[in-house]
């Protein structure tokens, strides 16, 4: 009887542990994914609007200003690909592009001799991209051995709604962000007082 009780207890603990791990993994995945998608959306707005922060930073790093248009358009595409249901192969490319964007920013700042105040932020975003990619659910992986991509309107409504809200928030907060980043550019010595 003691052995039977121990087996049942062990099975219950194992099941509880799997459920707990599932929820921890799910919450970590969606947190990291929300950070990645939000930053891709905000970055695309900043690049496409060519705010002062972007123009000065590109100049400081030696990139042409038209690079902001290219980067902004790819960031929009990456945010949509990561947020949308299905399209596992496209998600792989979007994660790779996000990682290349932020790791490239880290390398650019290191090569120009900038300190950690310039390259830590893109390094954190690159880390979030890796975490989101590594924890993604089975139906968002290659090969897609899970369910087929969802074609229902509801499956698309949530990611599209989230992207619209993120674009609106990014655009509405632009004046405030511009003022804060202008001061940061002065503090970094990239523009005169």
N, C-alpha and C. Protein backbone atom coordinates (compact mmCIF):
# COMPACT_ATOMS: atom_id res chain seq x y z
N UNK A 1 0.82 -1.19 0.00
CA UNK A 1 0.00 0.00 0.00
C UNK A 1 0.87 1.26 0.00
N UNK A 2 1.97 1.23 0.73
CA UNK A 2 2.87 2.37 0.78
C UNK A 2 3.49 2.62 -0.59
N UNK A 3 3.85 1.54 -1.30
CA UNK A 3 4.41 1.70 -2.64
C UNK A 3 3.40 2.29 -3.60
N UNK A 4 2.16 1.87 -3.54
CA UNK A 4 1.10 2.40 -4.39
C UNK A 4 0.89 3.88 -4.11
N UNK A 5 0.86 4.25 -2.84
CA UNK A 5 0.70 5.66 -2.46
C UNK A 5 1.88 6.49 -2.99
N UNK A 6 3.09 5.95 -2.86
CA UNK A 6 4.29 6.65 -3.33
C UNK A 6 4.25 6.84 -4.84
N UNK A 7 3.81 5.80 -5.59
CA UNK A 7 3.72 5.90 -7.04
C UNK A 7 2.70 6.96 -7.44
N UNK A 8 1.56 6.98 -6.81
CA UNK A 8 0.52 7.97 -7.11
C UNK A 8 1.03 9.36 -6.78
N UNK A 9 1.69 9.50 -5.65
CA UNK A 9 2.23 10.80 -5.26
C UNK A 9 3.29 11.26 -6.25
N UNK A 10 4.18 10.37 -6.66
CA UNK A 10 5.22 10.72 -7.64
C UNK A 10 4.60 11.12 -8.98
N UNK A 11 3.57 10.40 -9.40
CA UNK A 11 2.90 10.73 -10.66
C UNK A 11 2.22 12.09 -10.56
N UNK A 12 1.57 12.36 -9.45
CA UNK A 12 0.91 13.66 -9.26
C UNK A 12 1.92 14.80 -9.24
N UNK A 13 3.05 14.60 -8.56
CA UNK A 13 4.09 15.63 -8.52
C UNK A 13 4.68 15.86 -9.90
N UNK A 14 4.89 14.79 -10.66
CA UNK A 14 5.43 14.93 -12.01
C UNK A 14 4.45 15.70 -12.90
N UNK A 15 3.17 15.38 -12.79
CA UNK A 15 2.15 16.09 -13.58
C UNK A 15 2.09 17.55 -13.18
N UNK A 16 2.15 17.83 -11.88
CA UNK A 16 2.13 19.21 -11.39
C UNK A 16 3.36 19.96 -11.89
N UNK A 17 4.50 19.29 -11.88
CA UNK A 17 5.73 19.90 -12.35
C UNK A 17 5.64 20.23 -13.84
N UNK A 18 5.06 19.34 -14.66
CA UNK A 18 4.89 19.61 -16.10
C UNK A 18 3.96 20.79 -16.33
N UNK A 19 2.88 20.85 -15.56
CA UNK A 19 1.93 21.96 -15.70
C UNK A 19 2.60 23.27 -15.31
N UNK A 20 3.32 23.24 -14.21
CA UNK A 20 4.01 24.46 -13.75
C UNK A 20 5.02 24.90 -14.79
N UNK A 21 5.84 23.97 -15.33
CA UNK A 21 6.82 24.32 -16.35
C UNK A 21 6.14 24.87 -17.60
N UNK A 22 5.01 24.29 -17.99
CA UNK A 22 4.27 24.77 -19.15
C UNK A 22 3.89 26.25 -18.97
N UNK A 23 3.37 26.59 -17.80
CA UNK A 23 2.93 27.97 -17.57
C UNK A 23 4.11 28.92 -17.45
N UNK A 24 5.17 28.50 -16.82
CA UNK A 24 6.36 29.36 -16.74
C UNK A 24 6.92 29.61 -18.13
N UNK A 25 7.01 28.56 -18.93
CA UNK A 25 7.52 28.69 -20.29
C UNK A 25 6.61 29.58 -21.14
N UNK A 26 5.30 29.38 -21.02
CA UNK A 26 4.34 30.17 -21.79
C UNK A 26 4.43 31.65 -21.43
N UNK A 27 4.47 31.95 -20.14
CA UNK A 27 4.55 33.35 -19.70
C UNK A 27 5.88 33.97 -20.14
N UNK A 28 6.98 33.23 -20.00
CA UNK A 28 8.28 33.75 -20.43
C UNK A 28 8.30 33.99 -21.94
N UNK A 29 7.73 33.06 -22.71
CA UNK A 29 7.69 33.21 -24.16
C UNK A 29 6.92 34.47 -24.55
N UNK A 30 5.70 34.62 -24.02
CA UNK A 30 4.88 35.75 -24.42
C UNK A 30 5.45 37.07 -23.92
N UNK A 31 6.09 37.07 -22.77
CA UNK A 31 6.74 38.30 -22.28
C UNK A 31 7.86 38.70 -23.22
N UNK A 32 8.74 37.76 -23.54
CA UNK A 32 9.85 38.05 -24.45
C UNK A 32 9.35 38.44 -25.83
N UNK A 33 8.32 37.76 -26.31
CA UNK A 33 7.77 38.05 -27.63
C UNK A 33 7.14 39.44 -27.67
N UNK A 34 6.43 39.82 -26.62
CA UNK A 34 5.84 41.17 -26.56
C UNK A 34 6.93 42.24 -26.57
N UNK A 35 8.03 42.00 -25.87
CA UNK A 35 9.14 42.95 -25.88
C UNK A 35 9.73 43.05 -27.29
N UNK A 36 9.95 41.92 -27.93
CA UNK A 36 10.54 41.91 -29.27
C UNK A 36 9.63 42.62 -30.28
N UNK A 37 8.36 42.25 -30.29
CA UNK A 37 7.43 42.86 -31.25
C UNK A 37 7.25 44.34 -30.96
N UNK A 38 7.16 44.72 -29.69
CA UNK A 38 7.02 46.14 -29.35
C UNK A 38 8.21 46.95 -29.81
N UNK A 39 9.40 46.41 -29.61
CA UNK A 39 10.60 47.13 -30.03
C UNK A 39 10.71 47.19 -31.54
N UNK A 40 10.32 46.13 -32.23
CA UNK A 40 10.33 46.17 -33.70
C UNK A 40 9.35 47.24 -34.21
N UNK A 41 8.17 47.31 -33.59
CA UNK A 41 7.18 48.31 -34.01
C UNK A 41 7.69 49.72 -33.71
N UNK A 42 8.16 49.94 -32.48
CA UNK A 42 8.66 51.28 -32.12
C UNK A 42 9.85 51.65 -33.00
N UNK A 43 10.76 50.71 -33.21
CA UNK A 43 11.92 50.98 -34.06
C UNK A 43 11.53 51.31 -35.49
N UNK A 44 10.50 50.62 -35.99
CA UNK A 44 10.06 50.92 -37.35
C UNK A 44 9.48 52.31 -37.44
N UNK A 45 8.68 52.70 -36.44
CA UNK A 45 8.11 54.06 -36.43
C UNK A 45 9.24 55.09 -36.36
N UNK A 46 10.19 54.87 -35.47
CA UNK A 46 11.30 55.82 -35.33
C UNK A 46 12.10 55.92 -36.62
N UNK A 47 12.37 54.77 -37.26
CA UNK A 47 13.14 54.78 -38.50
C UNK A 47 12.38 55.42 -39.64
N UNK A 48 11.10 55.07 -39.78
CA UNK A 48 10.33 55.61 -40.90
C UNK A 48 10.03 57.10 -40.73
N UNK A 49 9.89 57.55 -39.48
CA UNK A 49 9.70 58.98 -39.21
C UNK A 49 11.03 59.73 -39.23
N UNK A 50 12.13 58.99 -39.23
CA UNK A 50 13.48 59.53 -39.19
C UNK A 50 13.63 60.59 -38.10
N UNK A 51 13.30 60.18 -36.86
CA UNK A 51 13.41 61.11 -35.74
C UNK A 51 14.88 61.48 -35.53
N UNK A 52 15.11 62.55 -34.80
CA UNK A 52 16.47 63.06 -34.59
C UNK A 52 17.40 61.98 -34.04
N UNK A 53 16.92 61.19 -33.09
CA UNK A 53 17.74 60.13 -32.48
C UNK A 53 18.30 59.21 -33.56
N UNK A 54 17.46 58.83 -34.50
CA UNK A 54 17.88 57.92 -35.57
C UNK A 54 18.87 58.62 -36.50
N UNK A 55 18.56 59.85 -36.92
CA UNK A 55 19.45 60.56 -37.84
C UNK A 55 20.84 60.77 -37.24
N UNK A 56 20.88 61.21 -35.98
CA UNK A 56 22.17 61.47 -35.35
C UNK A 56 22.92 60.16 -35.12
N UNK A 57 22.21 59.13 -34.69
CA UNK A 57 22.86 57.85 -34.43
C UNK A 57 23.44 57.25 -35.72
N UNK A 58 22.66 57.29 -36.80
CA UNK A 58 23.17 56.78 -38.08
C UNK A 58 24.40 57.55 -38.51
N UNK A 59 24.37 58.86 -38.36
CA UNK A 59 25.51 59.70 -38.71
C UNK A 59 26.72 59.35 -37.84
N UNK A 60 26.47 59.20 -36.54
CA UNK A 60 27.54 58.86 -35.59
C UNK A 60 28.19 57.52 -35.95
N UNK A 61 27.37 56.56 -36.37
CA UNK A 61 27.88 55.22 -36.68
C UNK A 61 28.40 55.10 -38.11
N UNK A 62 28.17 56.14 -38.93
CA UNK A 62 28.69 56.13 -40.29
C UNK A 62 27.76 55.50 -41.32
N UNK A 63 26.48 55.36 -40.98
CA UNK A 63 25.51 54.80 -41.92
C UNK A 63 24.80 55.93 -42.66
N UNK A 64 24.40 55.70 -43.92
CA UNK A 64 23.62 56.72 -44.64
C UNK A 64 22.21 56.81 -44.05
N UNK A 65 21.58 57.98 -44.15
CA UNK A 65 20.25 58.16 -43.57
C UNK A 65 19.19 57.31 -44.26
N UNK A 66 19.38 56.98 -45.54
CA UNK A 66 18.36 56.15 -46.19
C UNK A 66 18.30 54.75 -45.59
N UNK A 67 19.31 54.36 -44.83
CA UNK A 67 19.29 53.07 -44.16
C UNK A 67 18.10 52.96 -43.19
N UNK A 68 17.66 54.10 -42.66
CA UNK A 68 16.52 54.07 -41.74
C UNK A 68 15.24 53.61 -42.44
N UNK A 69 15.09 53.93 -43.73
CA UNK A 69 13.91 53.47 -44.47
C UNK A 69 13.95 51.95 -44.65
N UNK A 70 15.11 51.45 -45.01
CA UNK A 70 15.26 50.01 -45.21
C UNK A 70 15.00 49.28 -43.90
N UNK A 71 15.66 49.73 -42.85
CA UNK A 71 15.51 49.10 -41.54
C UNK A 71 14.07 49.19 -41.04
N UNK A 72 13.46 50.36 -41.20
CA UNK A 72 12.08 50.55 -40.75
C UNK A 72 11.10 49.62 -41.43
N UNK A 73 11.24 49.44 -42.73
CA UNK A 73 10.33 48.55 -43.45
C UNK A 73 10.53 47.09 -43.04
N UNK A 74 11.78 46.69 -42.86
CA UNK A 74 12.05 45.31 -42.44
C UNK A 74 11.58 45.08 -41.01
N UNK A 75 11.66 46.08 -40.16
CA UNK A 75 11.18 45.92 -38.78
C UNK A 75 9.66 45.75 -38.76
N UNK A 76 8.94 46.48 -39.60
CA UNK A 76 7.49 46.28 -39.71
C UNK A 76 7.19 44.85 -40.12
N UNK A 77 7.88 44.40 -41.15
CA UNK A 77 7.66 43.03 -41.64
C UNK A 77 8.00 42.00 -40.56
N UNK A 78 9.07 42.21 -39.82
CA UNK A 78 9.45 41.30 -38.75
C UNK A 78 8.43 41.25 -37.64
N UNK A 79 7.91 42.39 -37.25
CA UNK A 79 6.90 42.44 -36.19
C UNK A 79 5.64 41.69 -36.62
N UNK A 80 5.21 41.90 -37.85
CA UNK A 80 4.02 41.21 -38.36
C UNK A 80 4.26 39.71 -38.42
N UNK A 81 5.42 39.30 -38.92
CA UNK A 81 5.71 37.87 -39.05
C UNK A 81 5.75 37.17 -37.70
N UNK A 82 6.34 37.79 -36.72
CA UNK A 82 6.44 37.16 -35.39
C UNK A 82 5.08 37.13 -34.70
N UNK A 83 4.29 38.17 -34.87
CA UNK A 83 3.00 38.24 -34.17
C UNK A 83 1.91 37.39 -34.83
N UNK A 84 1.97 37.23 -36.13
CA UNK A 84 0.91 36.52 -36.86
C UNK A 84 0.92 35.02 -36.56
N UNK A 85 -0.25 34.40 -36.57
CA UNK A 85 -0.29 32.94 -36.38
C UNK A 85 0.20 32.23 -37.64
N UNK A 86 0.81 31.06 -37.46
CA UNK A 86 1.28 30.28 -38.60
C UNK A 86 2.59 30.81 -39.17
N UNK A 87 2.90 30.45 -40.39
CA UNK A 87 4.08 30.92 -41.12
C UNK A 87 5.38 30.66 -40.36
N UNK A 88 5.60 29.39 -39.97
CA UNK A 88 6.77 29.04 -39.16
C UNK A 88 8.09 29.43 -39.83
N UNK A 89 8.22 29.20 -41.12
CA UNK A 89 9.46 29.54 -41.81
C UNK A 89 9.69 31.05 -41.82
N UNK A 90 8.65 31.81 -42.05
CA UNK A 90 8.76 33.26 -42.04
C UNK A 90 9.15 33.77 -40.65
N UNK A 91 8.63 33.14 -39.61
CA UNK A 91 8.99 33.51 -38.24
C UNK A 91 10.49 33.29 -38.01
N UNK A 92 11.03 32.18 -38.54
CA UNK A 92 12.46 31.92 -38.39
C UNK A 92 13.28 33.08 -38.99
N UNK A 93 12.87 33.51 -40.18
CA UNK A 93 13.56 34.62 -40.83
C UNK A 93 13.40 35.91 -40.03
N UNK A 94 12.22 36.14 -39.51
CA UNK A 94 11.98 37.37 -38.74
C UNK A 94 12.82 37.39 -37.47
N UNK A 95 12.89 36.26 -36.77
CA UNK A 95 13.75 36.19 -35.59
C UNK A 95 15.21 36.44 -35.95
N UNK A 96 15.65 35.82 -37.05
CA UNK A 96 17.03 36.02 -37.48
C UNK A 96 17.28 37.49 -37.81
N UNK A 97 16.34 38.11 -38.52
CA UNK A 97 16.49 39.52 -38.86
C UNK A 97 16.53 40.42 -37.64
N UNK A 98 15.67 40.14 -36.66
CA UNK A 98 15.67 40.93 -35.43
C UNK A 98 17.01 40.77 -34.71
N UNK A 99 17.48 39.53 -34.62
CA UNK A 99 18.77 39.30 -33.97
C UNK A 99 19.90 40.00 -34.71
N UNK A 100 19.90 39.92 -36.05
CA UNK A 100 20.94 40.59 -36.84
C UNK A 100 20.88 42.10 -36.64
N UNK A 101 19.68 42.66 -36.58
CA UNK A 101 19.52 44.10 -36.38
C UNK A 101 20.17 44.53 -35.08
N UNK A 102 19.79 43.85 -33.98
CA UNK A 102 20.28 44.28 -32.67
C UNK A 102 21.73 43.89 -32.43
N UNK A 103 22.16 42.74 -32.89
CA UNK A 103 23.57 42.38 -32.72
C UNK A 103 24.45 43.27 -33.61
N UNK A 104 23.91 43.66 -34.78
CA UNK A 104 24.63 44.60 -35.63
C UNK A 104 24.77 45.97 -34.98
N UNK A 105 23.73 46.38 -34.25
CA UNK A 105 23.81 47.65 -33.52
C UNK A 105 24.88 47.57 -32.43
N UNK A 106 24.91 46.44 -31.73
CA UNK A 106 25.95 46.25 -30.69
C UNK A 106 27.33 46.34 -31.33
N UNK A 107 27.54 45.61 -32.41
CA UNK A 107 28.85 45.61 -33.09
C UNK A 107 29.20 47.01 -33.59
N UNK A 108 28.25 47.72 -34.16
CA UNK A 108 28.51 49.07 -34.68
C UNK A 108 28.96 50.01 -33.57
N UNK A 109 28.27 49.93 -32.42
CA UNK A 109 28.66 50.80 -31.30
C UNK A 109 30.02 50.41 -30.74
N UNK A 110 30.30 49.11 -30.65
CA UNK A 110 31.60 48.68 -30.15
C UNK A 110 32.73 49.11 -31.10
N UNK A 111 32.50 48.98 -32.41
CA UNK A 111 33.52 49.33 -33.39
C UNK A 111 33.83 50.82 -33.37
N UNK A 112 32.80 51.66 -33.12
CA UNK A 112 33.04 53.11 -33.07
C UNK A 112 33.57 53.55 -31.71
N UNK A 113 33.71 52.61 -30.78
CA UNK A 113 34.28 52.95 -29.48
C UNK A 113 33.29 53.45 -28.45
N UNK A 114 31.99 53.29 -28.72
CA UNK A 114 30.99 53.74 -27.75
C UNK A 114 31.01 52.84 -26.52
N UNK A 115 30.62 53.43 -25.40
CA UNK A 115 30.59 52.69 -24.15
C UNK A 115 29.30 51.90 -23.99
N UNK A 116 29.17 51.23 -22.85
CA UNK A 116 28.00 50.38 -22.59
C UNK A 116 26.67 51.14 -22.64
N UNK A 117 26.68 52.42 -22.37
CA UNK A 117 25.44 53.19 -22.42
C UNK A 117 24.82 53.18 -23.81
N UNK A 118 25.61 52.84 -24.82
CA UNK A 118 25.11 52.80 -26.19
C UNK A 118 24.78 51.40 -26.68
N UNK A 119 25.52 50.39 -26.22
CA UNK A 119 25.32 49.05 -26.79
C UNK A 119 24.59 48.06 -25.89
N UNK A 120 24.36 48.40 -24.62
CA UNK A 120 23.66 47.46 -23.72
C UNK A 120 22.20 47.28 -24.15
N UNK A 121 21.54 48.36 -24.51
CA UNK A 121 20.11 48.26 -24.89
C UNK A 121 19.90 47.32 -26.08
N UNK A 122 20.62 47.49 -27.20
CA UNK A 122 20.41 46.52 -28.29
C UNK A 122 20.81 45.10 -27.90
N UNK A 123 21.78 44.95 -27.00
CA UNK A 123 22.16 43.63 -26.53
C UNK A 123 21.02 42.97 -25.75
N UNK A 124 20.33 43.77 -24.95
CA UNK A 124 19.18 43.25 -24.20
C UNK A 124 18.07 42.81 -25.17
N UNK A 125 17.81 43.61 -26.20
CA UNK A 125 16.78 43.24 -27.17
C UNK A 125 17.18 41.99 -27.96
N UNK A 126 18.45 41.86 -28.29
CA UNK A 126 18.91 40.64 -28.97
C UNK A 126 18.70 39.42 -28.07
N UNK A 127 18.93 39.60 -26.78
CA UNK A 127 18.71 38.51 -25.82
C UNK A 127 17.23 38.14 -25.75
N UNK A 128 16.35 39.13 -25.73
CA UNK A 128 14.91 38.86 -25.73
C UNK A 128 14.51 38.11 -27.00
N UNK A 129 15.11 38.45 -28.13
CA UNK A 129 14.81 37.74 -29.38
C UNK A 129 15.22 36.28 -29.28
N UNK A 130 16.38 36.01 -28.71
CA UNK A 130 16.83 34.63 -28.54
C UNK A 130 15.89 33.88 -27.61
N UNK A 131 15.51 34.51 -26.50
CA UNK A 131 14.60 33.85 -25.53
C UNK A 131 13.25 33.56 -26.18
N UNK A 132 12.70 34.53 -26.90
CA UNK A 132 11.42 34.32 -27.57
C UNK A 132 11.52 33.19 -28.58
N UNK A 133 12.58 33.19 -29.36
CA UNK A 133 12.77 32.13 -30.37
C UNK A 133 12.91 30.76 -29.70
N UNK A 134 13.69 30.68 -28.65
CA UNK A 134 13.97 29.39 -28.00
C UNK A 134 12.74 28.82 -27.29
N UNK A 135 11.87 29.68 -26.78
CA UNK A 135 10.71 29.22 -26.01
C UNK A 135 9.43 29.13 -26.83
N UNK A 136 9.50 29.40 -28.13
CA UNK A 136 8.27 29.43 -28.93
C UNK A 136 7.58 28.07 -28.91
N UNK A 137 6.24 28.08 -28.97
CA UNK A 137 5.49 26.82 -28.94
C UNK A 137 5.75 25.97 -30.18
N UNK A 138 5.36 24.72 -30.11
CA UNK A 138 5.58 23.76 -31.19
C UNK A 138 4.96 24.23 -32.50
N UNK A 139 3.77 24.84 -32.44
CA UNK A 139 3.10 25.24 -33.68
C UNK A 139 3.77 26.46 -34.34
N UNK A 140 4.79 27.03 -33.69
CA UNK A 140 5.52 28.15 -34.27
C UNK A 140 6.95 27.76 -34.63
N UNK A 141 7.23 26.47 -34.66
CA UNK A 141 8.57 25.96 -34.95
C UNK A 141 8.62 25.28 -36.31
N UNK A 142 9.85 25.07 -36.79
CA UNK A 142 10.09 24.28 -38.00
C UNK A 142 10.70 22.95 -37.59
N UNK A 143 10.41 21.84 -38.23
CA UNK A 143 9.26 21.70 -39.10
C UNK A 143 7.98 21.73 -38.27
N UNK A 144 6.95 22.19 -38.87
CA UNK A 144 5.69 22.38 -38.17
C UNK A 144 5.00 21.03 -38.01
N UNK A 145 5.37 20.34 -36.95
CA UNK A 145 4.78 19.03 -36.69
C UNK A 145 3.47 19.17 -35.93
N UNK A 146 3.17 20.38 -35.51
CA UNK A 146 1.94 20.62 -34.75
C UNK A 146 0.77 20.90 -35.66
N UNK A 147 -0.07 21.78 -35.19
CA UNK A 147 -1.29 22.12 -35.95
C UNK A 147 -0.95 22.89 -37.21
N UNK A 148 -1.90 22.87 -38.12
CA UNK A 148 -1.78 23.68 -39.33
C UNK A 148 -2.02 25.14 -38.96
N UNK A 149 -1.51 26.09 -39.74
CA UNK A 149 -1.75 27.50 -39.43
C UNK A 149 -3.24 27.80 -39.36
N UNK A 150 -3.58 28.61 -38.41
CA UNK A 150 -4.99 28.96 -38.24
C UNK A 150 -5.39 30.00 -39.27
N UNK A 151 -6.53 29.78 -39.89
CA UNK A 151 -7.03 30.71 -40.88
C UNK A 151 -8.26 31.46 -40.40
N UNK A 152 -8.66 31.22 -39.15
CA UNK A 152 -9.88 31.87 -38.66
C UNK A 152 -9.62 33.36 -38.44
N UNK A 153 -10.69 34.12 -38.53
CA UNK A 153 -10.61 35.56 -38.34
C UNK A 153 -10.13 35.90 -36.93
N UNK A 154 -10.57 35.13 -35.94
CA UNK A 154 -10.19 35.40 -34.56
C UNK A 154 -8.69 35.18 -34.36
N UNK A 155 -8.14 34.16 -35.01
CA UNK A 155 -6.71 33.89 -34.88
C UNK A 155 -5.88 35.06 -35.41
N UNK A 156 -6.38 35.75 -36.40
CA UNK A 156 -5.68 36.90 -36.97
C UNK A 156 -6.03 38.21 -36.27
N UNK A 157 -7.23 38.31 -35.70
CA UNK A 157 -7.69 39.56 -35.12
C UNK A 157 -6.82 40.01 -33.95
N UNK A 158 -6.44 39.09 -33.09
CA UNK A 158 -5.65 39.46 -31.92
C UNK A 158 -4.27 40.01 -32.32
N UNK A 159 -3.48 39.30 -33.13
CA UNK A 159 -2.16 39.87 -33.49
C UNK A 159 -2.28 41.17 -34.28
N UNK A 160 -3.25 41.26 -35.18
CA UNK A 160 -3.42 42.49 -35.95
C UNK A 160 -3.83 43.63 -35.02
N UNK A 161 -4.73 43.36 -34.10
CA UNK A 161 -5.15 44.37 -33.13
C UNK A 161 -3.99 44.84 -32.27
N UNK A 162 -3.17 43.90 -31.82
CA UNK A 162 -2.00 44.25 -31.00
C UNK A 162 -1.03 45.11 -31.80
N UNK A 163 -0.78 44.74 -33.06
CA UNK A 163 0.13 45.52 -33.89
C UNK A 163 -0.40 46.93 -34.12
N UNK A 164 -1.69 47.08 -34.36
CA UNK A 164 -2.28 48.40 -34.56
C UNK A 164 -2.13 49.25 -33.31
N UNK A 165 -2.43 48.66 -32.15
CA UNK A 165 -2.28 49.39 -30.89
C UNK A 165 -0.83 49.81 -30.68
N UNK A 166 0.12 48.90 -30.96
CA UNK A 166 1.53 49.24 -30.79
C UNK A 166 1.97 50.36 -31.73
N UNK A 167 1.49 50.34 -32.98
CA UNK A 167 1.84 51.41 -33.90
C UNK A 167 1.25 52.74 -33.44
N UNK A 168 0.02 52.74 -32.98
CA UNK A 168 -0.62 53.97 -32.50
C UNK A 168 0.12 54.51 -31.28
N UNK A 169 0.42 53.63 -30.32
CA UNK A 169 1.13 54.06 -29.12
C UNK A 169 2.52 54.58 -29.48
N UNK A 170 3.22 53.89 -30.37
CA UNK A 170 4.55 54.35 -30.79
C UNK A 170 4.48 55.71 -31.45
N UNK A 171 3.49 55.92 -32.27
CA UNK A 171 3.35 57.20 -32.95
C UNK A 171 2.94 58.32 -31.98
N UNK A 172 2.02 58.02 -31.07
CA UNK A 172 1.56 59.04 -30.12
C UNK A 172 2.63 59.42 -29.10
N UNK A 173 3.50 58.50 -28.75
CA UNK A 173 4.55 58.81 -27.77
C UNK A 173 5.80 59.39 -28.42
N UNK A 174 5.80 59.55 -29.73
CA UNK A 174 6.96 60.04 -30.44
C UNK A 174 7.44 61.41 -29.96
N UNK A 175 6.56 62.41 -29.75
CA UNK A 175 7.06 63.71 -29.28
C UNK A 175 7.80 63.61 -27.94
N UNK A 176 7.25 62.84 -27.02
CA UNK A 176 7.89 62.68 -25.72
C UNK A 176 9.22 61.95 -25.87
N UNK A 177 9.23 60.88 -26.65
CA UNK A 177 10.44 60.10 -26.88
C UNK A 177 11.51 60.97 -27.55
N UNK A 178 11.10 61.78 -28.50
CA UNK A 178 12.04 62.67 -29.19
C UNK A 178 12.74 63.59 -28.19
N UNK A 179 11.97 64.17 -27.26
CA UNK A 179 12.55 65.09 -26.28
C UNK A 179 13.54 64.36 -25.37
N UNK A 180 13.17 63.18 -24.92
CA UNK A 180 14.05 62.40 -24.04
C UNK A 180 15.32 62.00 -24.77
N UNK A 181 15.18 61.52 -25.99
CA UNK A 181 16.35 61.07 -26.75
C UNK A 181 17.23 62.24 -27.19
N UNK A 182 16.63 63.43 -27.40
CA UNK A 182 17.42 64.62 -27.72
C UNK A 182 18.37 64.92 -26.56
N UNK A 183 17.84 64.86 -25.34
CA UNK A 183 18.67 65.09 -24.17
C UNK A 183 19.76 64.03 -24.05
N UNK A 184 19.43 62.80 -24.38
CA UNK A 184 20.42 61.73 -24.32
C UNK A 184 21.53 61.96 -25.34
N UNK A 185 21.17 62.43 -26.53
CA UNK A 185 22.18 62.73 -27.55
C UNK A 185 23.15 63.83 -27.05
N UNK A 186 22.60 64.81 -26.36
CA UNK A 186 23.44 65.87 -25.78
C UNK A 186 24.36 65.27 -24.71
N UNK A 187 23.78 64.43 -23.84
CA UNK A 187 24.57 63.80 -22.76
C UNK A 187 25.68 62.90 -23.29
N UNK A 188 25.41 62.22 -24.41
CA UNK A 188 26.44 61.36 -25.03
C UNK A 188 27.50 62.17 -25.76
N UNK A 189 27.21 63.46 -26.00
CA UNK A 189 28.16 64.31 -26.72
C UNK A 189 28.09 64.15 -28.23
N UNK A 190 27.00 63.57 -28.72
CA UNK A 190 26.87 63.34 -30.16
C UNK A 190 26.35 64.58 -30.88
N UNK A 191 25.71 65.49 -30.15
CA UNK A 191 25.28 66.78 -30.71
C UNK A 191 25.62 67.85 -29.69
N UNK A 192 25.84 69.09 -30.16
CA UNK A 192 26.19 70.16 -29.22
C UNK A 192 24.97 70.59 -28.40
N UNK A 193 25.23 71.18 -27.27
CA UNK A 193 24.15 71.68 -26.41
C UNK A 193 23.45 72.77 -27.13
